[in-house]
PDB file of N, CA and C in Angstrom:
ATOM      1  N   MET A   1       0.921  -1.287  -0.240  1.00  0.00           N
ATOM      2  CA  MET A   1       0.066   0.178   0.126  1.00  0.00           C
ATOM      3  C   MET A   1       1.048   1.125   0.084  1.00  0.00           C
ATOM      4  N   PHE A   2       0.529   2.149  -1.083  1.00  0.00           N
ATOM      5  CA  PHE A   2       1.031   3.497  -0.971  1.00  0.00           C
ATOM      6  C   PHE A   2       1.552   4.237   0.193  1.00  0.00           C
ATOM      7  N   GLU A   3       0.638   4.121   1.340  1.00  0.00           N
ATOM      8  CA  GLU A   3       0.810   5.030   2.120  1.00  0.00           C
ATOM      9  C   GLU A   3       1.602   4.363   3.171  1.00  0.00           C
ATOM     10  N   LEU A   4       1.716   3.071   3.573  1.00  0.00           N
ATOM     11  CA  LEU A   4       2.638   2.246   4.354  1.00  0.00           C
ATOM     12  C   LEU A   4       4.109   2.037   3.543  1.00  0.00           C
ATOM     13  N   VAL A   5       4.076   2.148   2.335  1.00  0.00           N
ATOM     14  CA  VAL A   5       5.519   2.514   2.071  1.00  0.00           C
ATOM     15  C   VAL A   5       6.021   3.932   2.256  1.00  0.00           C
ATOM     16  N   ARG A   6       5.307   4.815   2.020  1.00  0.00           N
ATOM     17  CA  ARG A   6       5.976   6.344   2.112  1.00  0.00           C
ATOM     18  C   ARG A   6       5.755   6.359   3.604  1.00  0.00           C
ATOM     19  N   GLY A   7       5.439   5.522   4.590  1.00  0.00           N
ATOM     20  CA  GLY A   7       5.561   6.126   6.021  1.00  0.00           C
ATOM     21  C   GLY A   7       4.488   6.794   6.704  1.00  0.00           C
ATOM     22  N   LYS A   8       3.540   6.853   5.732  1.00  0.00           N
ATOM     23  CA  LYS A   8       2.087   7.875   6.162  1.00  0.00           C
ATOM     24  C   LYS A   8       1.262   7.239   7.146  1.00  0.00           C
ATOM     25  N   ASP A   9       0.380   7.821   7.923  1.00  0.00           N
ATOM     26  CA  ASP A   9      -0.577   6.661   8.676  1.00  0.00           C
ATOM     27  C   ASP A   9      -1.713   6.521   7.878  1.00  0.00           C
ATOM     28  N   LEU A  10      -1.900   4.983   8.023  1.00  0.00           N
ATOM     29  CA  LEU A  10      -2.962   4.678   7.621  1.00  0.00           C
ATOM     30  C   LEU A  10      -4.473   5.173   7.931  1.00  0.00           C
ATOM     31  N   SER A  11      -4.746   5.828   9.033  1.00  0.00           N
ATOM     32  CA  SER A  11      -5.883   6.298   9.180  1.00  0.00           C
ATOM     33  C   SER A  11      -6.045   7.509   8.269  1.00  0.00           C
ATOM     34  N   ASP A  12      -4.925   8.454   7.908  1.00  0.00           N
ATOM     35  CA  ASP A  12      -5.348   9.354   6.766  1.00  0.00           C
ATOM     36  C   ASP A  12      -5.917   8.706   5.524  1.00  0.00           C
ATOM     37  N   PHE A  13      -5.370   7.541   5.206  1.00  0.00           N
ATOM     38  CA  PHE A  13      -5.924   7.238   3.826  1.00  0.00           C
ATOM     39  C   PHE A  13      -7.307   6.518   4.203  1.00  0.00           C
ATOM     40  N   ALA A  14      -7.716   5.925   5.087  1.00  0.00           N
ATOM     41  CA  ALA A  14      -8.987   5.462   5.749  1.00  0.00           C
ATOM     42  C   ALA A  14      -9.861   6.763   5.595  1.00  0.00           C
ATOM     43  N   ARG A  15      -9.847   7.607   6.134  1.00  0.00           N
ATOM     44  CA  ARG A  15     -10.604   8.969   5.956  1.00  0.00           C
ATOM     45  C   ARG A  15     -10.809   9.349   4.473  1.00  0.00           C
ATOM     46  N   ARG A  16      -9.513   9.519   3.503  1.00  0.00           N
ATOM     47  CA  ARG A  16     -10.108   9.917   2.458  1.00  0.00           C
ATOM     48  C   ARG A  16     -10.708   8.593   1.558  1.00  0.00           C
ATOM     49  N   PHE A  17     -10.527   7.475   1.920  1.00  0.00           N
ATOM     50  CA  PHE A  17     -11.055   6.350   1.325  1.00  0.00           C
ATOM     51  C   PHE A  17     -12.599   6.563   1.518  1.00  0.00           C
ATOM     52  N   ARG A  18     -13.185   6.764   3.205  1.00  0.00           N
ATOM     53  CA  ARG A  18     -14.627   7.079   3.584  1.00  0.00           C
ATOM     54  C   ARG A  18     -15.002   8.203   2.840  1.00  0.00           C
ATOM     55  N   MET A  19     -14.678   9.083   2.806  1.00  0.00           N
ATOM     56  CA  MET A  19     -15.318  10.348   1.917  1.00  0.00           C
ATOM     57  C   MET A  19     -15.362  10.130   0.448  1.00  0.00           C
ATOM     58  N   HIS A  20     -14.397   9.337  -0.017  1.00  0.00           N
ATOM     59  CA  HIS A  20     -14.489   8.950  -1.398  1.00  0.00           C
ATOM     60  C   HIS A  20     -15.625   7.982  -1.605  1.00  0.00           C
ATOM     61  N   LEU A  21     -16.087   6.848  -0.743  1.00  0.00           N
ATOM     62  CA  LEU A  21     -17.143   6.294  -0.941  1.00  0.00           C
ATOM     63  C   LEU A  21     -18.372   7.068  -0.865  1.00  0.00           C
ATOM     64  N   SER A  22     -18.064   7.952   0.283  1.00  0.00           N
ATOM     65  CA  SER A  22     -19.640   8.848   0.860  1.00  0.00           C
ATOM     66  C   SER A  22     -19.940   9.665  -0.447  1.00  0.00           C
ATOM     67  N   ASN A  23     -19.073  10.088  -1.153  1.00  0.00           N
ATOM     68  CA  ASN A  23     -19.086  10.993  -2.445  1.00  0.00           C
ATOM     69  C   ASN A  23     -19.912  10.205  -3.660  1.00  0.00           C
ATOM     70  N   LEU A  24     -19.404   8.974  -3.486  1.00  0.00           N
ATOM     71  CA  LEU A  24     -19.899   7.935  -4.491  1.00  0.00           C
ATOM     72  C   LEU A  24     -21.321   7.666  -4.280  1.00  0.00           C
ATOM     73  N   GLY A  25     -21.750   7.473  -2.947  1.00  0.00           N
ATOM     74  CA  GLY A  25     -23.086   7.205  -2.375  1.00  0.00           C
ATOM     75  C   GLY A  25     -22.993   5.516  -2.204  1.00  0.00           C
ATOM     76  N   ALA A  26     -21.712   5.093  -2.013  1.00  0.00           N
ATOM     77  CA  ALA A  26     -21.365   3.569  -1.707  1.00  0.00           C
ATOM     78  C   ALA A  26     -20.889   3.466  -0.208  1.00  0.00           C
ATOM     79  N   PHE A  27     -21.335   4.455   0.519  1.00  0.00           N
ATOM     80  CA  PHE A  27     -20.302   4.099   2.136  1.00  0.00           C
ATOM     81  C   PHE A  27     -21.371   3.102   2.487  1.00  0.00           C
ATOM     82  N   GLU A  28     -22.698   3.234   2.855  1.00  0.00           N
ATOM     83  CA  GLU A  28     -23.294   2.277   3.312  1.00  0.00           C
ATOM     84  C   GLU A  28     -23.469   0.978   2.807  1.00  0.00           C
ATOM     85  N   ALA A  29     -23.465   0.991   1.404  1.00  0.00           N
ATOM     86  CA  ALA A  29     -23.338  -0.696   1.098  1.00  0.00           C
ATOM     87  C   ALA A  29     -21.571  -1.255   1.136  1.00  0.00           C
ATOM     88  N   ILE A  30     -20.986  -0.293   1.092  1.00  0.00           N
ATOM     89  CA  ILE A  30     -19.510  -1.147   1.702  1.00  0.00           C
ATOM     90  C   ILE A  30     -19.371  -1.450   2.952  1.00  0.00           C
ATOM     91  N   ARG A  31     -20.293  -0.588   3.847  1.00  0.00           N
ATOM     92  CA  ARG A  31     -20.119  -0.756   5.140  1.00  0.00           C
ATOM     93  C   ARG A  31     -20.565  -2.280   5.648  1.00  0.00           C
ATOM     94  N   THR A  32     -21.537  -2.585   4.504  1.00  0.00           N
ATOM     95  CA  THR A  32     -22.288  -3.900   4.541  1.00  0.00           C
ATOM     96  C   THR A  32     -21.159  -5.167   4.137  1.00  0.00           C
ATOM     97  N   VAL A  33     -20.576  -4.600   3.151  1.00  0.00           N
ATOM     98  CA  VAL A  33     -19.644  -5.498   2.329  1.00  0.00           C
ATOM     99  C   VAL A  33     -18.540  -5.908   3.666  1.00  0.00           C
ATOM    100  N   VAL A  34     -18.084  -4.973   4.017  1.00  0.00           N
ATOM    101  CA  VAL A  34     -17.236  -5.240   5.358  1.00  0.00           C
ATOM    102  C   VAL A  34     -17.688  -6.015   6.436  1.00  0.00           C
ATOM    103  N   ALA A  35     -18.880  -5.768   6.679  1.00  0.00           N
ATOM    104  CA  ALA A  35     -19.514  -6.727   7.751  1.00  0.00           C
ATOM    105  C   ALA A  35     -19.329  -8.179   7.358  1.00  0.00           C
ATOM    106  N   ILE A  36     -19.887  -8.368   6.445  1.00  0.00           N
ATOM    107  CA  ILE A  36     -20.132  -9.613   5.738  1.00  0.00           C
ATOM    108  C   ILE A  36     -18.602 -10.223   5.711  1.00  0.00           C
ATOM    109  N   ASN A  37     -17.722  -9.435   5.031  1.00  0.00           N
ATOM    110  CA  ASN A  37     -16.291 -10.155   5.130  1.00  0.00           C
ATOM    111  C   ASN A  37     -15.632 -10.077   6.345  1.00  0.00           C
ATOM    112  N   ALA A  38     -15.949  -9.458   7.410  1.00  0.00           N
ATOM    113  CA  ALA A  38     -15.525  -9.920   8.587  1.00  0.00           C
ATOM    114  C   ALA A  38     -15.554 -11.162   9.272  1.00  0.00           C
ATOM    115  N   LEU A  39     -16.761 -11.803   8.473  1.00  0.00           N
ATOM    116  CA  LEU A  39     -17.265 -13.152   8.955  1.00  0.00           C
ATOM    117  C   LEU A  39     -16.673 -13.719   8.103  1.00  0.00           C
ATOM    118  N   ASP A  40     -15.573 -13.525   7.167  1.00  0.00           N
ATOM    119  CA  ASP A  40     -14.838 -14.672   6.272  1.00  0.00           C
ATOM    120  C   ASP A  40     -15.686 -15.123   4.916  1.00  0.00           C
ATOM    121  N   MET A  41     -16.655 -14.219   4.659  1.00  0.00           N
ATOM    122  CA  MET A  41     -17.536 -14.247   3.341  1.00  0.00           C
ATOM    123  C   MET A  41     -17.585 -13.121   2.353  1.00  0.00           C
ATOM    124  N   ASP A  42     -17.886 -13.647   1.108  1.00  0.00           N
ATOM    125  CA  ASP A  42     -17.844 -12.589   0.479  1.00  0.00           C
ATOM    126  C   ASP A  42     -19.480 -12.128   0.388  1.00  0.00           C
ATOM    127  N   ALA A  43     -19.552 -10.871   0.183  1.00  0.00           N
ATOM    128  CA  ALA A  43     -20.786 -10.082   0.330  1.00  0.00           C
ATOM    129  C   ALA A  43     -21.720 -10.649  -0.969  1.00  0.00           C
ATOM    130  N   PRO A  44     -22.973 -11.028  -1.139  1.00  0.00           N
ATOM    131  CA  PRO A  44     -23.547 -11.249  -2.341  1.00  0.00           C
ATOM    132  C   PRO A  44     -23.639  -9.689  -3.214  1.00  0.00           C
ATOM    133  N   TRP A  45     -23.429  -9.796  -4.165  1.00  0.00           N
ATOM    134  CA  TRP A  45     -23.457  -8.716  -5.041  1.00  0.00           C
ATOM    135  C   TRP A  45     -24.746  -7.811  -5.248  1.00  0.00           C
ATOM    136  N   GLU A  46     -26.049  -8.902  -5.005  1.00  0.00           N
ATOM    137  CA  GLU A  46     -27.384  -8.090  -4.917  1.00  0.00           C
ATOM    138  C   GLU A  46     -27.868  -7.098  -3.765  1.00  0.00           C
ATOM    139  N   LEU A  47     -26.661  -7.370  -2.953  1.00  0.00           N
ATOM    140  CA  LEU A  47     -26.783  -6.361  -1.699  1.00  0.00           C
ATOM    141  C   LEU A  47     -26.586  -5.132  -1.935  1.00  0.00           C
ATOM    142  N   LEU A  48     -25.876  -4.946  -2.782  1.00  0.00           N
ATOM    143  CA  LEU A  48     -25.376  -3.498  -3.284  1.00  0.00           C
ATOM    144  C   LEU A  48     -26.444  -2.550  -3.786  1.00  0.00           C
ATOM    145  N   GLY A  49     -27.307  -3.189  -4.119  1.00  0.00           N
ATOM    146  CA  GLY A  49     -28.752  -2.373  -4.587  1.00  0.00           C
ATOM    147  C   GLY A  49     -28.186  -1.321  -5.718  1.00  0.00           C
ATOM    148  N   GLU A  50     -28.767   0.017  -5.304  1.00  0.00           N
ATOM    149  CA  GLU A  50     -28.277   1.077  -6.167  1.00  0.00           C
ATOM    150  C   GLU A  50     -26.942   1.616  -6.673  1.00  0.00           C
ATOM    151  N   SER A  51     -25.882   1.160  -5.286  1.00  0.00           N
ATOM    152  CA  SER A  51     -24.651   1.334  -5.258  1.00  0.00           C
ATOM    153  C   SER A  51     -24.081   0.503  -6.304  1.00  0.00           C
ATOM    154  N   SER A  52     -24.532  -0.456  -7.069  1.00  0.00           N
ATOM    155  CA  SER A  52     -23.562  -1.454  -7.693  1.00  0.00           C
ATOM    156  C   SER A  52     -22.972  -0.816  -8.924  1.00  0.00           C
ATOM    157  N   GLU A  53     -23.200   0.154  -9.431  1.00  0.00           N
ATOM    158  CA  GLU A  53     -22.397   0.577 -10.422  1.00  0.00           C
ATOM    159  C   GLU A  53     -21.369   1.657  -9.835  1.00  0.00           C
ATOM    160  N   ALA A  54     -21.248   1.971  -8.791  1.00  0.00           N
ATOM    161  CA  ALA A  54     -20.099   2.767  -7.967  1.00  0.00           C
ATOM    162  C   ALA A  54     -19.419   1.757  -7.389  1.00  0.00           C
ATOM    163  N   VAL A  55     -19.479   0.814  -6.896  1.00  0.00           N
ATOM    164  CA  VAL A  55     -18.986  -0.471  -6.640  1.00  0.00           C
ATOM    165  C   VAL A  55     -18.298  -1.253  -7.876  1.00  0.00           C
ATOM    166  N   GLU A  56     -19.194  -1.386  -8.848  1.00  0.00           N
ATOM    167  CA  GLU A  56     -18.287  -1.950 -10.119  1.00  0.00           C
ATOM    168  C   GLU A  56     -16.931  -1.030 -10.337  1.00  0.00           C
ATOM    169  N   SER A  57     -17.160   0.357 -10.098  1.00  0.00           N
ATOM    170  CA  SER A  57     -16.174   1.397 -10.758  1.00  0.00           C
ATOM    171  C   SER A  57     -14.986   0.989  -9.315  1.00  0.00           C
ATOM    172  N   LEU A  58     -15.009   0.746  -8.447  1.00  0.00           N
ATOM    173  CA  LEU A  58     -14.351   0.410  -7.400  1.00  0.00           C
ATOM    174  C   LEU A  58     -13.292  -0.753  -7.568  1.00  0.00           C
ATOM    175  N   CYS A  59     -14.065  -1.841  -8.242  1.00  0.00           N
ATOM    176  CA  CYS A  59     -13.685  -3.198  -8.550  1.00  0.00           C
ATOM    177  C   CYS A  59     -12.536  -3.076  -9.470  1.00  0.00           C
ATOM    178  N   ALA A  60     -12.666  -1.858 -10.506  1.00  0.00           N
ATOM    179  CA  ALA A  60     -11.733  -2.109 -11.604  1.00  0.00           C
ATOM    180  C   ALA A  60     -10.492  -2.382 -11.268  1.00  0.00           C
ATOM    181  N   HIS A  61      -9.680  -2.803 -12.122  1.00  0.00           N
ATOM    182  CA  HIS A  61      -8.143  -3.391 -11.768  1.00  0.00           C
ATOM    183  C   HIS A  61      -7.476  -2.207 -11.200  1.00  0.00           C
ATOM    184  N   GLU A  62      -7.507  -1.104 -11.750  1.00  0.00           N
ATOM    185  CA  GLU A  62      -6.629   0.341 -11.078  1.00  0.00           C
ATOM    186  C   GLU A  62      -7.039   0.563  -9.907  1.00  0.00           C
ATOM    187  N   GLN A  63      -8.162   0.419  -9.648  1.00  0.00           N
ATOM    188  CA  GLN A  63      -8.580   0.621  -8.120  1.00  0.00           C
ATOM    189  C   GLN A  63      -8.054   0.133  -6.996  1.00  0.00           C
ATOM    190  N   LEU A  64      -7.985  -1.349  -7.145  1.00  0.00           N
ATOM    191  CA  LEU A  64      -7.652  -2.075  -6.209  1.00  0.00           C
ATOM    192  C   LEU A  64      -8.128  -2.235  -4.851  1.00  0.00           C
ATOM    193  N   HIS A  65      -9.469  -1.390  -4.737  1.00  0.00           N
ATOM    194  CA  HIS A  65      -9.894  -1.559  -3.280  1.00  0.00           C
ATOM    195  C   HIS A  65     -11.094  -2.565  -3.067  1.00  0.00           C
ATOM    196  N   LEU A  66     -11.648  -3.196  -4.407  1.00  0.00           N
ATOM    197  CA  LEU A  66     -12.533  -4.079  -4.076  1.00  0.00           C
ATOM    198  C   LEU A  66     -12.077  -5.079  -5.072  1.00  0.00           C
ATOM    199  N   GLU A  67     -12.689  -6.245  -4.526  1.00  0.00           N
ATOM    200  CA  GLU A  67     -12.372  -7.691  -5.690  1.00  0.00           C
ATOM    201  C   GLU A  67     -13.876  -7.863  -5.955  1.00  0.00           C
ATOM    202  N   LYS A  68     -14.047  -8.579  -7.197  1.00  0.00           N
ATOM    203  CA  LYS A  68     -15.335  -9.333  -7.213  1.00  0.00           C
ATOM    204  C   LYS A  68     -14.999 -10.742  -7.223  1.00  0.00           C
ATOM    205  N   THR A  69     -15.841 -11.672  -6.796  1.00  0.00           N
ATOM    206  CA  THR A  69     -15.802 -12.942  -6.507  1.00  0.00           C
ATOM    207  C   THR A  69     -16.904 -13.669  -7.159  1.00  0.00           C
ATOM    208  N   GLY A  70     -16.867 -15.009  -7.501  1.00  0.00           N
ATOM    209  CA  GLY A  70     -17.650 -15.863  -7.691  1.00  0.00           C
ATOM    210  C   GLY A  70     -17.649 -16.091  -9.628  1.00  0.00           C
ATOM    211  N   ASN A  71     -18.051 -17.072 -10.034  1.00  0.00           N
ATOM    212  CA  ASN A  71     -17.868 -17.469 -11.854  1.00  0.00           C
ATOM    213  C   ASN A  71     -19.420 -17.272 -12.160  1.00  0.00           C
ATOM    214  N   SER A  72     -20.418 -16.868 -11.223  1.00  0.00           N
ATOM    215  CA  SER A  72     -21.851 -16.633 -12.055  1.00  0.00           C
ATOM    216  C   SER A  72     -22.728 -15.771 -11.339  1.00  0.00           C
ATOM    217  N   PRO A  73     -23.657 -15.473 -11.986  1.00  0.00           N
ATOM    218  CA  PRO A  73     -24.313 -14.313 -11.446  1.00  0.00           C
ATOM    219  C   PRO A  73     -25.053 -14.833 -10.152  1.00  0.00           C
ATOM    220  N   GLN A  74     -25.077 -16.514  -9.929  1.00  0.00           N
ATOM    221  CA  GLN A  74     -25.751 -16.796  -8.292  1.00  0.00           C
ATOM    222  C   GLN A  74     -24.709 -16.707  -7.109  1.00  0.00           C
ATOM    223  N   THR A  75     -23.238 -16.920  -7.497  1.00  0.00           N
ATOM    224  CA  THR A  75     -22.257 -16.759  -6.805  1.00  0.00           C
ATOM    225  C   THR A  75     -21.333 -15.692  -6.681  1.00  0.00           C
ATOM    226  N   ARG A  76     -21.969 -14.665  -7.371  1.00  0.00           N
ATOM    227  CA  ARG A  76     -21.294 -13.115  -7.501  1.00  0.00           C
ATOM    228  C   ARG A  76     -21.187 -12.461  -6.322  1.00  0.00           C
ATOM    229  N   GLY A  77     -20.019 -11.942  -5.867  1.00  0.00           N
ATOM    230  CA  GLY A  77     -19.546 -11.434  -4.886  1.00  0.00           C
ATOM    231  C   GLY A  77     -18.639 -10.492  -4.740  1.00  0.00           C
ATOM    232  N   VAL A  78     -18.770  -9.471  -3.646  1.00  0.00           N
ATOM    233  CA  VAL A  78     -17.365  -8.718  -3.516  1.00  0.00           C
ATOM    234  C   VAL A  78     -16.490  -8.701  -1.967  1.00  0.00           C
ATOM    235  N   ARG A  79     -15.482  -8.364  -2.126  1.00  0.00           N
ATOM    236  CA  ARG A  79     -14.896  -8.447  -0.861  1.00  0.00           C
ATOM    237  C   ARG A  79     -13.885  -7.127  -0.548  1.00  0.00           C
ATOM    238  N   LEU A  80     -13.592  -6.533   0.275  1.00  0.00           N
ATOM    239  CA  LEU A  80     -12.683  -5.434   0.418  1.00  0.00           C
ATOM    240  C   LEU A  80     -11.169  -6.183  -0.022  1.00  0.00           C
ATOM    241  N   ALA A  81     -10.547  -5.540  -0.731  1.00  0.00           N
ATOM    242  CA  ALA A  81      -9.307  -6.060  -1.028  1.00  0.00           C
ATOM    243  C   ALA A  81      -8.179  -5.669   0.027  1.00  0.00           C
ATOM    244  N   HIS A  82      -8.236  -4.905   0.710  1.00  0.00           N
ATOM    245  CA  HIS A  82      -7.534  -4.576   2.089  1.00  0.00           C
ATOM    246  C   HIS A  82      -8.266  -4.528   3.344  1.00  0.00           C
ATOM    247  N   PRO A  83      -8.170  -5.811   3.565  1.00  0.00           N
ATOM    248  CA  PRO A  83      -8.881  -6.219   5.074  1.00  0.00           C
ATOM    249  C   PRO A  83      -8.214  -5.383   6.309  1.00  0.00           C
ATOM    250  N   GLN A  84      -7.061  -4.782   6.213  1.00  0.00           N
ATOM    251  CA  GLN A  84      -6.483  -4.167   7.345  1.00  0.00           C
ATOM    252  C   GLN A  84      -7.169  -2.594   7.288  1.00  0.00           C
ATOM    253  N   LEU A  85      -8.000  -2.142   6.766  1.00  0.00           N
ATOM    254  CA  LEU A  85      -8.545  -1.132   6.588  1.00  0.00           C
ATOM    255  C   LEU A  85      -9.834  -0.994   7.242  1.00  0.00           C
ATOM    256  N   THR A  86     -10.365  -2.110   7.699  1.00  0.00           N
ATOM    257  CA  THR A  86     -11.660  -2.453   8.239  1.00  0.00           C
ATOM    258  C   THR A  86     -11.877  -1.753   9.464  1.00  0.00           C
ATOM    259  N   ARG A  87     -10.548  -1.720  10.472  1.00  0.00           N
ATOM    260  CA  ARG A  87     -10.989  -0.890  11.629  1.00  0.00           C
ATOM    261  C   ARG A  87     -10.798   0.411  11.897  1.00  0.00           C
ATOM    262  N   THR A  88      -9.799   0.910  10.796  1.00  0.00           N
ATOM    263  CA  THR A  88      -9.524   2.264  10.587  1.00  0.00           C
ATOM    264  C   THR A  88     -10.770   3.021   9.738  1.00  0.00           C
ATOM    265  N   SER A  89     -11.337   2.427   9.021  1.00  0.00           N
ATOM    266  CA  SER A  89     -12.257   3.011   8.018  1.00  0.00           C
ATOM    267  C   SER A  89     -13.838   2.892   8.475  1.00  0.00           C
ATOM    268  N   PHE A  90     -14.176   1.829   9.104  1.00  0.00           N
ATOM    269  CA  PHE A  90     -15.506   1.702   9.256  1.00  0.00           C
ATOM    270  C   PHE A  90     -16.080   1.353  10.725  1.00  0.00           C
TER     271      PHE A  90
END
């Protein structure tokens, strides 16, 4: 992670990430994703509702924030790519 390599405080990144999610209208959906991920499960994609488009953009390879999981529409899910951010962001 860029912040850790540069010796920066991870909580600064977490605050910026939370603001970014809020601006996208995806914070509540991602908070649900993180809660489910904390149980070591992938969050079902259908839980994202209206936030699914914003989350789709966060799953883009260059973003590196979220990962899509599952190989079919029935098993499609999402997971936070940086579980170490859970406590500081949410």
